[in-house]
Amino acid sequence: MGWIFIASLILALIITHKPLGDYMYRVYTSAKHNVVERGIYKLLGVQADSEQRWGVYARSLLAFSVISLLFLYGLQRLQNHLFLSLGFDPVTDHVAWNTAVSFVTNTNWQAYSGESTMGHLVQMAGLAVQNFVSAAVGMAVAVALVRGFARRGVDTLGNFWVDLVRGTLRILLPIAFVGALILVAGGLVQNFAGPHEIAGLTGPQNMTGGPVASQEVIKELGTNGGGFYNTNSAHPFENATSWTNWFEIFLILLIPFALPRTFGKMVGQVRQGYAILAVMGVIALASVVLTNVFELAGNATVPQAIGAAMEGKDVRFGVANSATFGAATTLTSTGAVDSFHDSYTPFGGMMTMFNMMLGEVAPGGVGAGLYGMLVLAVITVFVAGLMVGRTPEYLGKKIGAREIKLASMYFLVTPILVLVGTAVAMGNEAGLAAMLNSGPHGFSEILYAFTSASNNNGSAFGGVTVNTPFYDIALGLCMLFGRFLPIIFVLALAGSLAQQKPVPESVGTLPTHRPQFVGMVVGVTIILVALTFLPALALGPLAEGLLS
């Protein structure tokens, strides 16, 4: 049944790939603005028909993100004075900082229990809004990079505010609205209820209701992550049945797997989009299969049940469907979980880490996966150019010194944050004091936390107390730099490409739409990650697995 579950997901993604990809192409290339959009532009003072250079585009994006961060921080700190607060206290300063950075950067790392910390107004006006706009920011950056490839001899990439508004209103909102109705029909909660006392096995306990379904759908659709409840998508109010589990995975993968079609249409070569899609698909399928194999084998130190690693997994979903969810959420930047990754087998847990270390490009986050994969394609054609002794080209654009420097800096940001952050945590008392496990497994928990934060994933391995000033500040900085430094490099790359005139193809031009190129990009992606992170993985999950 687990393999049927995977096959049905693949079929659904194949069916939706073309229509959704074509629709997003029309959204981002249309010259018309609807009435609602014109009203928003007027309110913001935006000249919608005026295009921006990459620097202006980047400054607009950063300004919007700073304002969003300050607003969300203030909303949490003033929570006790707001209506629909459910009587909750204001969020502490370091948790409010961490949470504000987390949701603005599309990470949604949570160092708190949502149902006992955040009131309904903060959940809706703060967290849910950021789920929409932070996802739309990622899509805007991806579209700007694609315009850089598509345009010839110009210095503009579009208008950030137009891309942000269109991504939110025309793509995310309609799908989220329909998806929320489907999840409510599946049993998810959608109300404004406060704490309700129920009889539990260990005595009475309070259960908070709220606008759960509407937040659940956008957290998956926008590859945001997080959870209304502490147990995230394992909570029956967030994920009621096996088929809602399937639907939530489908939402996670829907837009990232459709964006390559949009890319192909925008550059005027659909086959180029299929090549990028093939790279994403090969890596994703390999990861899902390996994660399932390692979890279904159920060997090593994890407690056993029915011949598989059942500890930390919900009986509603079982091992296979939980492993598929775990692979999907770490292959993208979602971070939602329906099982406890800390209880995975050593090699199964390693796969979730490796997925994030890839840069979450298969298919990656909404928008972020596409622009990350295109940067890897640029690096691949550069490597291929060195092999044949000619100037590398991609989509008619020369990849010169400036372009490869920007692509290299993009790639180096997250490894530096992950490895330096892990080293700092392992080298001071504040970092070590939060560890609940020792040895390779304890190291894996720290490594996972910094990998998740720096790659803007947001899922947690568990087993380490991250709700401390040290981890809230350190992981917040990783999320901040891990989101915006790569975006700046991508936009600079897009601006450089847009200014170039097209280079005519010759007999020495590497075809970038054939299986050969697909295999090269897959190889470069895996080799770069293996060379960068293998020593760290050897100290953690590999050591634990080999010693078990």
Protein backbone atom coordinates (compact mmCIF):
# COMPACT_ATOMS: atom_id res chain seq x y z
CA MET A 1 0.00 0.00 0.00
CA GLY A 2 2.92 2.34 0.63
CA TRP A 3 4.09 1.98 -2.98
CA ILE A 4 0.54 2.54 -4.26
CA PHE A 5 0.45 5.67 -2.09
CA ILE A 6 3.64 6.95 -3.81
CA ALA A 7 2.47 5.98 -7.30
CA SER A 8 -0.84 7.81 -6.87
CA LEU A 9 1.02 10.95 -5.77
CA ILE A 10 3.22 10.80 -8.87
CA LEU A 11 0.17 10.37 -11.10
CA ALA A 12 -1.60 13.34 -9.51
CA LEU A 13 1.48 15.54 -9.94
CA ILE A 14 1.80 14.52 -13.59
CA ILE A 15 -1.85 15.43 -14.22
CA THR A 16 -1.54 18.87 -12.61
CA HIS A 17 1.94 19.76 -13.93
CA LYS A 18 0.94 21.24 -17.28
CA PRO A 19 -2.31 23.10 -16.43
CA LEU A 20 -0.91 24.66 -13.25
CA GLY A 21 2.44 25.47 -14.86
CA ASP A 22 0.71 27.14 -17.81
CA TYR A 23 -1.60 29.07 -15.48
CA MET A 24 1.35 30.43 -13.47
CA TYR A 25 3.03 31.41 -16.74
CA ARG A 26 -0.03 33.48 -17.67
CA VAL A 27 -0.14 35.05 -14.20
CA TYR A 28 3.43 36.30 -14.31
CA THR A 29 3.45 37.43 -17.95
CA SER A 30 0.06 39.15 -18.15
CA ALA A 31 0.11 42.90 -18.70
CA LYS A 32 -3.31 43.40 -17.11
CA HIS A 33 -4.04 44.17 -13.45
CA ASN A 34 -7.41 43.37 -11.96
CA VAL A 35 -9.45 45.75 -9.80
CA VAL A 36 -8.28 44.37 -6.46
CA GLU A 37 -4.63 44.48 -7.52
CA ARG A 38 -4.93 48.09 -8.74
CA GLY A 39 -6.41 49.03 -5.36
CA ILE A 40 -3.48 47.42 -3.53
CA TYR A 41 -0.94 49.16 -5.75
CA LYS A 42 -2.64 52.51 -5.14
CA LEU A 43 -2.62 51.89 -1.39
CA LEU A 44 1.09 51.00 -1.47
CA GLY A 45 1.98 53.82 -3.84
CA VAL A 46 3.35 51.36 -6.39
CA GLN A 47 3.64 52.13 -10.10
CA ALA A 48 2.66 48.68 -11.32
CA ASP A 49 3.77 49.21 -14.92
CA SER A 50 7.22 50.44 -13.91
CA GLU A 51 9.90 47.74 -13.95
CA GLN A 52 12.86 47.49 -11.58
CA ARG A 53 16.56 46.77 -11.92
CA TRP A 54 17.81 43.87 -9.83
CA GLY A 55 19.08 46.16 -7.07
CA VAL A 56 15.74 47.94 -6.71
CA TYR A 57 13.92 44.61 -6.87
CA ALA A 58 16.14 43.30 -4.05
CA ARG A 59 15.72 46.42 -1.91
CA SER A 60 11.93 46.25 -2.30
CA LEU A 61 11.98 42.61 -1.22
CA LEU A 62 14.21 43.31 1.79
CA ALA A 63 12.13 46.34 2.86
CA PHE A 64 8.93 44.31 2.72
CA SER A 65 10.55 41.51 4.74
CA VAL A 66 11.89 43.88 7.42
CA ILE A 67 8.48 45.50 7.85
CA SER A 68 6.87 42.04 8.04
CA LEU A 69 9.39 40.92 10.66
CA LEU A 70 8.81 43.99 12.86
CA PHE A 71 5.02 43.70 12.55
CA LEU A 72 5.00 40.00 13.48
CA TYR A 73 7.39 40.57 16.39
CA GLY A 74 5.22 43.38 17.75
CA LEU A 75 2.04 41.36 17.33
CA GLN A 76 3.47 38.58 19.52
CA ARG A 77 4.83 40.92 22.18
CA LEU A 78 1.49 42.75 22.46
CA GLN A 79 -0.65 39.62 22.27
CA ASN A 80 -2.19 39.99 25.73
CA HIS A 81 -3.67 43.36 24.73
CA LEU A 82 -5.31 42.06 21.55
CA PHE A 83 -8.70 40.45 21.03
CA LEU A 84 -8.88 36.71 20.31
CA SER A 85 -5.76 36.28 22.46
CA LEU A 86 -7.44 33.46 24.45
CA GLY A 87 -5.90 34.95 27.58
CA PHE A 88 -2.36 33.98 26.56
CA ASP A 89 0.61 35.97 27.86
CA PRO A 90 2.83 37.97 25.51
CA VAL A 91 5.45 35.85 23.80
CA THR A 92 8.92 36.19 25.33
CA ASP A 93 11.39 38.38 23.47
CA HIS A 94 13.73 35.66 22.19
CA VAL A 95 10.88 33.35 21.12
CA ALA A 96 9.09 36.28 19.42
CA TRP A 97 12.32 37.13 17.54
CA ASN A 98 12.86 33.53 16.49
CA THR A 99 9.25 33.10 15.40
CA ALA A 100 9.10 36.38 13.48
CA VAL A 101 12.28 35.55 11.58
CA SER A 102 11.09 31.99 11.06
CA PHE A 103 7.78 32.87 9.40
CA VAL A 104 9.11 35.80 7.38
CA THR A 105 11.86 33.59 5.92
CA ASN A 106 9.43 30.80 4.94
CA THR A 107 11.12 28.53 7.52
CA ASN A 108 8.40 28.21 10.17
CA TRP A 109 10.72 26.71 12.72
CA GLN A 110 8.81 26.62 16.01
CA ALA A 111 10.37 26.70 19.46
CA TYR A 112 6.94 26.82 21.15
CA SER A 113 3.65 24.93 21.40
CA GLY A 114 1.21 26.77 19.16
CA GLU A 115 -2.00 25.77 20.93
CA SER A 116 -0.78 27.13 24.29
CA THR A 117 1.27 30.12 23.13
CA MET A 118 -0.37 31.91 20.22
CA GLY A 119 -3.88 33.37 20.23
CA HIS A 120 -6.15 33.27 17.20
CA LEU A 121 -5.31 36.81 16.04
CA VAL A 122 -1.56 36.10 16.02
CA GLN A 123 -2.19 32.81 14.24
CA MET A 124 -4.33 34.45 11.52
CA ALA A 125 -3.13 38.05 11.11
CA GLY A 126 0.47 37.15 11.82
CA LEU A 127 1.51 33.60 11.04
CA ALA A 128 -1.04 32.70 8.35
CA VAL A 129 -0.46 35.97 6.47
CA GLN A 130 3.28 35.32 6.43
CA ASN A 131 2.59 31.81 5.15
CA PHE A 132 1.09 33.43 2.05
CA VAL A 133 3.46 36.32 1.44
CA SER A 134 6.74 34.57 2.30
CA ALA A 135 5.83 31.85 -0.22
CA ALA A 136 4.94 34.53 -2.77
CA VAL A 137 8.35 36.15 -2.19
CA GLY A 138 10.09 32.89 -3.12
CA MET A 139 8.01 32.57 -6.27
CA ALA A 140 8.78 36.20 -7.20
CA VAL A 141 12.54 35.58 -6.94
CA ALA A 142 12.26 32.47 -9.10
CA VAL A 143 10.31 34.38 -11.75
CA ALA A 144 12.86 37.22 -11.66
CA LEU A 145 15.69 34.74 -12.33
CA VAL A 146 13.76 33.16 -15.19
CA ARG A 147 13.25 36.62 -16.70
CA GLY A 148 17.01 37.07 -16.46
CA PHE A 149 17.45 34.04 -18.72
CA ALA A 150 14.60 35.01 -21.03
CA ARG A 151 15.39 38.68 -21.58
CA ARG A 152 18.02 40.05 -23.94
CA GLY A 153 20.05 43.22 -23.43
CA VAL A 154 17.86 44.85 -20.78
CA ASP A 155 18.51 45.80 -17.16
CA THR A 156 15.09 45.16 -15.56
CA LEU A 157 13.56 42.03 -14.03
CA GLY A 158 9.94 43.04 -13.54
CA ASN A 159 8.30 44.61 -10.50
CA PHE A 160 8.61 42.93 -7.08
CA TRP A 161 5.33 44.33 -5.78
CA VAL A 162 3.40 43.10 -8.81
CA ASP A 163 4.97 39.64 -8.59
CA LEU A 164 4.25 39.49 -4.84
CA VAL A 165 0.60 40.51 -5.16
CA ARG A 166 -0.10 38.26 -8.15
CA GLY A 167 1.53 35.24 -6.57
CA THR A 168 -0.57 35.73 -3.45
CA LEU A 169 -3.94 36.65 -4.95
CA ARG A 170 -3.98 34.67 -8.19
CA ILE A 171 -2.13 31.48 -7.23
CA LEU A 172 -1.89 30.82 -3.50
CA LEU A 173 -5.24 32.17 -2.30
CA PRO A 174 -7.52 30.32 -4.77
CA ILE A 175 -5.79 26.97 -4.29
CA ALA A 176 -5.68 27.45 -0.52
CA PHE A 177 -9.40 28.28 -0.39
CA VAL A 178 -10.38 25.08 -2.21
CA GLY A 179 -7.82 23.05 -0.26
CA ALA A 180 -9.14 24.30 3.08
CA LEU A 181 -12.67 23.18 2.18
CA ILE A 182 -11.32 19.74 1.29
CA LEU A 183 -9.45 19.49 4.60
CA VAL A 184 -12.53 20.59 6.58
CA ALA A 185 -14.47 17.84 4.81
CA GLY A 186 -11.71 15.47 5.88
CA GLY A 187 -12.22 16.30 9.56
CA LEU A 188 -9.87 19.21 10.26
CA VAL A 189 -10.99 21.86 12.74
CA GLN A 190 -11.98 25.36 11.55
CA ASN A 191 -13.48 27.58 14.25
CA PHE A 192 -12.69 30.29 16.79
CA ALA A 193 -13.08 28.14 19.88
CA GLY A 194 -11.02 28.69 22.98
CA PRO A 195 -9.65 25.99 25.30
CA HIS A 196 -12.17 23.17 25.73
CA GLU A 197 -11.86 20.72 28.61
CA ILE A 198 -12.06 17.07 27.62
CA ALA A 199 -11.63 13.83 29.52
CA GLY A 200 -8.30 12.16 28.83
CA LEU A 201 -6.74 8.88 29.92
CA THR A 202 -4.69 10.70 32.56
CA GLY A 203 -7.43 13.12 33.58
CA PRO A 204 -9.03 16.28 32.16
CA GLN A 205 -7.04 18.37 29.69
CA ASN A 206 -7.64 21.52 27.69
CA MET A 207 -7.78 21.34 23.91
CA THR A 208 -7.73 24.57 21.91
CA GLY A 209 -9.72 24.86 18.71
CA GLY A 210 -9.12 27.46 16.04
CA PRO A 211 -8.73 28.23 12.32
CA VAL A 212 -6.68 25.08 11.78
CA ALA A 213 -7.70 23.90 8.30
CA SER A 214 -7.07 27.29 6.69
CA GLN A 215 -3.61 27.49 8.22
CA GLU A 216 -2.81 23.85 7.47
CA VAL A 217 -3.50 24.20 3.77
CA ILE A 218 -1.26 27.23 3.23
CA LYS A 219 1.52 25.85 5.41
CA GLU A 220 1.72 22.86 3.03
CA LEU A 221 0.87 24.63 -0.22
CA GLY A 222 3.38 27.41 0.43
CA THR A 223 6.02 24.93 1.68
CA ASN A 224 6.00 26.89 4.93
CA GLY A 225 5.72 24.24 7.63
CA GLY A 226 5.08 24.84 11.28
CA GLY A 227 1.91 23.72 12.99
CA PHE A 228 -1.11 25.03 14.85
CA TYR A 229 -0.46 22.28 17.39
CA ASN A 230 2.83 21.16 18.92
CA THR A 231 2.65 17.71 17.33
CA ASN A 232 2.25 19.35 13.93
CA SER A 233 0.72 17.28 11.12
CA ALA A 234 0.57 14.23 13.37
CA HIS A 235 -2.23 15.90 15.35
CA PRO A 236 -5.67 14.61 14.29
CA PHE A 237 -7.00 18.19 14.14
CA GLU A 238 -4.29 18.99 11.56
CA ASN A 239 -4.21 15.67 9.72
CA ALA A 240 -7.26 13.54 10.38
CA THR A 241 -7.03 10.50 8.12
CA SER A 242 -4.79 8.61 5.72
CA TRP A 243 -6.29 10.41 2.71
CA THR A 244 -5.78 13.87 4.24
CA ASN A 245 -2.17 12.78 4.80
CA TRP A 246 -1.95 12.02 1.06
CA PHE A 247 -3.57 15.34 0.19
CA GLU A 248 -1.19 17.31 2.38
CA ILE A 249 1.84 15.70 0.71
CA PHE A 250 0.25 16.51 -2.65
CA LEU A 251 -0.11 20.16 -1.60
CA ILE A 252 3.56 20.26 -0.57
CA LEU A 253 4.73 19.08 -4.00
CA LEU A 254 2.08 20.72 -6.20
CA ILE A 255 3.57 24.14 -7.02
CA PRO A 256 7.30 23.21 -6.88
CA PHE A 257 6.80 20.44 -9.46
CA ALA A 258 4.68 22.73 -11.71
CA LEU A 259 7.12 25.67 -11.74
CA PRO A 260 9.56 24.01 -14.20
CA ARG A 261 6.72 24.12 -16.75
CA THR A 262 6.38 27.87 -16.07
CA PHE A 263 10.14 28.23 -16.53
CA GLY A 264 10.07 26.40 -19.87
CA LYS A 265 7.21 28.55 -21.15
CA MET A 266 8.84 31.81 -20.08
CA VAL A 267 12.17 31.04 -21.78
CA GLY A 268 10.35 29.82 -24.89
CA GLN A 269 11.67 26.24 -24.66
CA VAL A 270 9.33 23.87 -22.86
CA ARG A 271 11.89 21.06 -23.18
CA GLN A 272 14.24 23.03 -20.91
CA GLY A 273 11.54 22.91 -18.25
CA TYR A 274 11.19 19.17 -18.70
CA ALA A 275 14.94 18.77 -18.19
CA ILE A 276 14.80 20.64 -14.85
CA LEU A 277 11.71 18.65 -13.89
CA ALA A 278 13.55 15.41 -14.69
CA VAL A 279 16.44 16.36 -12.40
CA MET A 280 14.03 17.15 -9.59
CA GLY A 281 12.06 13.94 -10.20
CA VAL A 282 15.11 11.63 -10.26
CA ILE A 283 16.50 12.99 -6.99
CA ALA A 284 13.09 13.09 -5.29
CA LEU A 285 12.13 9.55 -6.27
CA ALA A 286 15.50 8.18 -5.15
CA SER A 287 15.13 9.93 -1.80
CA VAL A 288 11.56 8.74 -1.21
CA VAL A 289 12.46 5.14 -2.08
CA LEU A 290 15.60 5.09 0.09
CA THR A 291 13.82 6.66 3.06
CA ASN A 292 11.06 4.05 2.80
CA VAL A 293 13.58 1.22 2.47
CA PHE A 294 15.56 2.31 5.53
CA GLU A 295 12.42 2.78 7.65
CA LEU A 296 10.70 -0.41 6.54
CA ALA A 297 13.89 -2.40 7.24
CA GLY A 298 13.71 -1.09 10.79
CA ASN A 299 17.16 -2.20 11.88
CA ALA A 300 19.67 -0.52 14.19
CA THR A 301 18.88 0.87 17.64
CA VAL A 302 15.31 2.09 17.07
CA PRO A 303 12.66 0.01 18.89
CA GLN A 304 10.89 -2.43 16.62
CA ALA A 305 7.25 -3.10 15.81
CA ILE A 306 5.97 -5.46 13.12
CA GLY A 307 9.36 -5.66 11.48
CA ALA A 308 9.69 -1.91 11.00
CA ALA A 309 10.62 1.27 12.89
CA MET A 310 7.19 2.23 14.23
CA GLU A 311 8.35 4.33 17.18
CA GLY A 312 7.46 7.99 16.69
CA LYS A 313 4.97 7.26 13.91
CA ASP A 314 1.19 7.45 14.04
CA VAL A 315 -0.69 4.18 13.59
CA ARG A 316 -3.11 5.98 11.26
CA PHE A 317 -0.34 6.47 8.71
CA GLY A 318 2.08 3.62 9.35
CA VAL A 319 5.75 3.47 8.43
CA ALA A 320 5.62 3.87 4.66
CA ASN A 321 3.30 6.86 4.47
CA SER A 322 5.16 8.55 7.32
CA ALA A 323 8.49 8.01 5.57
CA THR A 324 7.07 9.46 2.35
CA PHE A 325 5.83 12.52 4.23
CA GLY A 326 9.24 12.87 5.91
CA ALA A 327 11.04 12.72 2.56
CA ALA A 328 8.62 15.18 0.90
CA THR A 329 8.81 17.73 3.69
CA THR A 330 12.63 17.76 3.71
CA LEU A 331 13.01 17.63 -0.08
CA THR A 332 11.01 20.85 -0.03
CA SER A 333 11.35 23.71 2.45
CA THR A 334 8.13 22.73 4.19
CA GLY A 335 9.24 21.37 7.53
CA ALA A 336 5.80 20.04 8.51
CA VAL A 337 6.03 16.55 10.01
CA ASP A 338 3.60 13.72 10.64
CA SER A 339 6.17 11.60 12.48
CA PHE A 340 9.10 12.06 14.86
CA HIS A 341 12.30 12.23 12.80
CA ASP A 342 14.38 11.67 15.94
CA SER A 343 12.96 8.13 16.08
CA TYR A 344 13.84 7.27 12.50
CA THR A 345 16.52 4.68 11.87
CA PRO A 346 20.01 6.21 11.63
CA PHE A 347 20.06 5.98 7.83
CA GLY A 348 16.42 7.04 7.52
CA GLY A 349 17.16 10.10 9.65
CA MET A 350 20.26 10.74 7.56
CA MET A 351 18.10 10.87 4.42
CA THR A 352 15.98 13.67 5.88
CA MET A 353 19.16 15.62 6.63
CA PHE A 354 20.68 14.88 3.22
CA ASN A 355 17.50 16.11 1.51
CA MET A 356 17.92 19.50 3.16
CA MET A 357 21.66 19.57 2.53
CA LEU A 358 20.96 19.22 -1.19
CA GLY A 359 19.65 22.77 -0.93
CA GLU A 360 16.05 21.56 -1.09
CA VAL A 361 15.99 21.62 -4.88
CA ALA A 362 14.12 18.39 -5.61
CA PRO A 363 11.64 19.99 -5.97
CA GLY A 364 12.49 22.43 -3.19
CA GLY A 365 10.39 25.17 -1.69
CA VAL A 366 7.84 27.21 -3.60
CA GLY A 367 10.05 29.27 -5.90
CA ALA A 368 13.23 28.58 -3.91
CA GLY A 369 13.52 25.08 -5.36
CA LEU A 370 13.41 26.33 -8.95
CA TYR A 371 15.94 29.12 -8.51
CA GLY A 372 18.20 26.78 -6.52
CA MET A 373 18.07 24.18 -9.29
CA LEU A 374 18.77 26.79 -11.96
CA VAL A 375 21.85 27.92 -10.03
CA LEU A 376 23.04 24.28 -9.97
CA ALA A 377 22.39 24.10 -13.72
CA VAL A 378 24.63 27.16 -14.16
CA ILE A 379 27.37 25.48 -12.11
CA THR A 380 26.96 22.31 -14.18
CA VAL A 381 27.39 24.04 -17.55
CA PHE A 382 30.44 25.81 -16.15
CA VAL A 383 31.97 22.47 -15.15
CA ALA A 384 31.07 21.05 -18.57
CA GLY A 385 32.66 24.07 -20.25
CA LEU A 386 35.90 23.45 -18.39
CA MET A 387 35.87 19.83 -19.55
CA VAL A 388 35.67 20.75 -23.25
CA GLY A 389 37.72 23.94 -23.05
CA ARG A 390 35.14 26.53 -24.11
CA THR A 391 33.10 29.31 -22.57
CA PRO A 392 30.04 27.70 -20.98
CA GLU A 393 26.57 28.81 -22.08
CA TYR A 394 23.08 28.19 -20.73
CA LEU A 395 19.93 29.21 -22.59
CA GLY A 396 21.97 31.43 -24.88
CA LYS A 397 23.71 33.25 -22.02
CA LYS A 398 27.44 33.08 -21.35
CA ILE A 399 28.41 31.92 -17.87
CA GLY A 400 31.44 34.08 -17.21
CA ALA A 401 33.44 34.99 -14.11
CA ARG A 402 30.72 37.20 -12.61
CA GLU A 403 27.98 34.63 -13.08
CA ILE A 404 29.94 31.70 -11.65
CA LYS A 405 31.10 33.77 -8.66
CA LEU A 406 27.49 34.63 -7.81
CA ALA A 407 26.42 31.00 -8.28
CA SER A 408 29.29 29.82 -6.07
CA MET A 409 28.48 32.29 -3.31
CA TYR A 410 24.86 31.18 -3.48
CA PHE A 411 25.91 27.57 -2.95
CA LEU A 412 28.40 28.31 -0.13
CA VAL A 413 26.05 30.29 2.13
CA THR A 414 24.11 27.41 3.67
CA PRO A 415 27.05 25.00 4.22
CA ILE A 416 28.91 27.76 6.06
CA LEU A 417 25.90 28.50 8.25
CA VAL A 418 25.22 24.81 8.95
CA LEU A 419 28.78 23.76 9.76
CA VAL A 420 29.81 26.88 11.67
CA GLY A 421 26.55 26.93 13.61
CA THR A 422 26.88 23.25 14.55
CA ALA A 423 30.50 23.76 15.60
CA VAL A 424 29.60 26.75 17.79
CA ALA A 425 26.75 24.84 19.45
CA MET A 426 28.96 21.81 20.12
CA GLY A 427 31.72 24.02 21.46
CA ASN A 428 29.92 25.95 24.18
CA GLU A 429 28.00 25.10 27.34
CA ALA A 430 24.72 26.71 26.25
CA GLY A 431 24.60 24.50 23.17
CA LEU A 432 25.61 21.30 24.93
CA ALA A 433 23.30 21.84 27.93
CA ALA A 434 20.22 21.57 25.67
CA MET A 435 21.19 18.10 24.38
CA LEU A 436 19.11 15.23 25.74
CA ASN A 437 21.21 12.55 24.02
CA SER A 438 24.95 11.98 23.77
CA GLY A 439 27.17 10.33 21.18
CA PRO A 440 26.47 10.30 17.43
CA HIS A 441 22.72 10.61 17.90
CA GLY A 442 23.07 13.74 20.03
CA PHE A 443 25.38 15.25 17.41
CA SER A 444 22.81 14.40 14.71
CA GLU A 445 20.16 16.36 16.61
CA ILE A 446 22.30 19.50 16.66
CA LEU A 447 23.38 19.06 13.04
CA TYR A 448 19.75 18.61 11.98
CA ALA A 449 18.66 21.79 13.81
CA PHE A 450 21.21 24.00 12.05
CA THR A 451 20.63 22.25 8.71
CA SER A 452 16.90 22.86 9.01
CA ALA A 453 17.26 26.51 10.02
CA SER A 454 19.95 27.43 7.49
CA ASN A 455 18.07 25.81 4.59
CA ASN A 456 14.79 27.43 5.69
CA ASN A 457 13.14 24.05 6.20
CA GLY A 458 11.79 24.32 9.73
CA SER A 459 11.35 20.66 10.64
CA ALA A 460 12.93 19.43 13.88
CA PHE A 461 14.76 16.21 14.60
CA GLY A 462 13.83 16.55 18.26
CA GLY A 463 15.78 15.49 21.31
CA VAL A 464 17.29 18.92 21.87
CA THR A 465 15.74 21.78 23.85
CA VAL A 466 15.80 24.67 21.38
CA ASN A 467 13.56 27.03 23.36
CA THR A 468 16.53 28.76 24.98
CA PRO A 469 18.03 32.20 24.32
CA PHE A 470 21.11 30.65 22.68
CA TYR A 471 19.23 28.50 20.18
CA ASP A 472 16.48 31.04 19.52
CA ILE A 473 19.05 33.68 18.60
CA ALA A 474 21.53 31.39 16.80
CA LEU A 475 18.93 29.58 14.72
CA GLY A 476 17.17 32.89 14.02
CA LEU A 477 20.38 34.29 12.54
CA CYS A 478 20.84 31.16 10.44
CA MET A 479 17.31 31.49 9.10
CA LEU A 480 17.80 35.17 8.32
CA PHE A 481 21.11 34.82 6.48
CA GLY A 482 20.12 31.49 4.93
CA ARG A 483 17.10 33.10 3.28
CA PHE A 484 18.19 36.54 2.17
CA LEU A 485 21.85 36.18 1.22
CA PRO A 486 21.05 33.53 -1.44
CA ILE A 487 18.15 35.68 -2.69
CA ILE A 488 20.48 38.67 -3.17
CA PHE A 489 22.97 36.51 -5.10
CA VAL A 490 20.17 35.08 -7.27
CA LEU A 491 18.80 38.51 -8.13
CA ALA A 492 22.30 39.79 -8.92
CA LEU A 493 22.77 36.78 -11.20
CA ALA A 494 19.43 37.48 -12.86
CA GLY A 495 20.40 41.09 -13.48
CA SER A 496 23.72 40.06 -15.01
CA LEU A 497 22.04 37.54 -17.32
CA ALA A 498 19.31 39.93 -18.44
CA GLN A 499 21.87 42.45 -19.68
CA GLN A 500 23.55 39.94 -21.98
CA LYS A 501 22.82 39.64 -25.67
CA PRO A 502 22.02 36.10 -26.89
CA VAL A 503 24.91 33.89 -27.91
CA PRO A 504 24.20 31.83 -31.06
CA GLU A 505 24.43 28.07 -30.67
CA SER A 506 27.37 26.25 -32.25
CA VAL A 507 28.58 22.69 -32.58
CA GLY A 508 30.34 23.10 -29.24
CA THR A 509 27.24 24.20 -27.33
CA LEU A 510 26.17 21.74 -24.66
CA PRO A 511 22.53 20.68 -25.19
CA THR A 512 20.79 21.36 -21.89
CA HIS A 513 17.55 19.53 -22.60
CA ARG A 514 18.85 15.98 -23.08
CA PRO A 515 19.27 13.07 -20.64
CA GLN A 516 23.03 13.66 -20.65
CA PHE A 517 22.57 17.10 -19.09
CA VAL A 518 19.97 15.78 -16.65
CA GLY A 519 22.46 13.18 -15.45
CA MET A 520 25.21 15.78 -15.15
CA VAL A 521 23.09 18.11 -12.99
CA VAL A 522 22.07 15.21 -10.75
CA GLY A 523 25.71 14.20 -10.41
CA VAL A 524 26.99 17.71 -9.69
CA THR A 525 24.25 18.27 -7.11
CA ILE A 526 24.98 15.07 -5.19
CA ILE A 527 28.77 15.38 -5.45
CA LEU A 528 28.80 18.95 -4.17
CA VAL A 529 26.69 17.98 -1.17
CA ALA A 530 28.66 14.80 -0.49
CA LEU A 531 32.01 16.60 -0.53
CA THR A 532 30.69 19.36 1.71
CA PHE A 533 28.73 17.46 4.35
CA LEU A 534 30.13 13.91 4.38
CA PRO A 535 32.51 14.55 7.33
CA ALA A 536 29.65 15.91 9.43
CA LEU A 537 27.34 13.04 8.47
CA ALA A 538 30.13 10.59 9.32
CA LEU A 539 30.17 11.92 12.90
CA GLY A 540 26.40 11.62 13.24
CA PRO A 541 23.96 9.28 11.46
CA LEU A 542 26.60 7.27 9.57
CA ALA A 543 28.50 6.54 12.77
CA GLU A 544 25.29 5.62 14.59
CA GLY A 545 24.15 3.35 11.78
CA LEU A 546 27.47 1.55 11.43
CA LEU A 547 27.86 1.10 15.18
CA SER A 548 24.35 -0.32 15.64
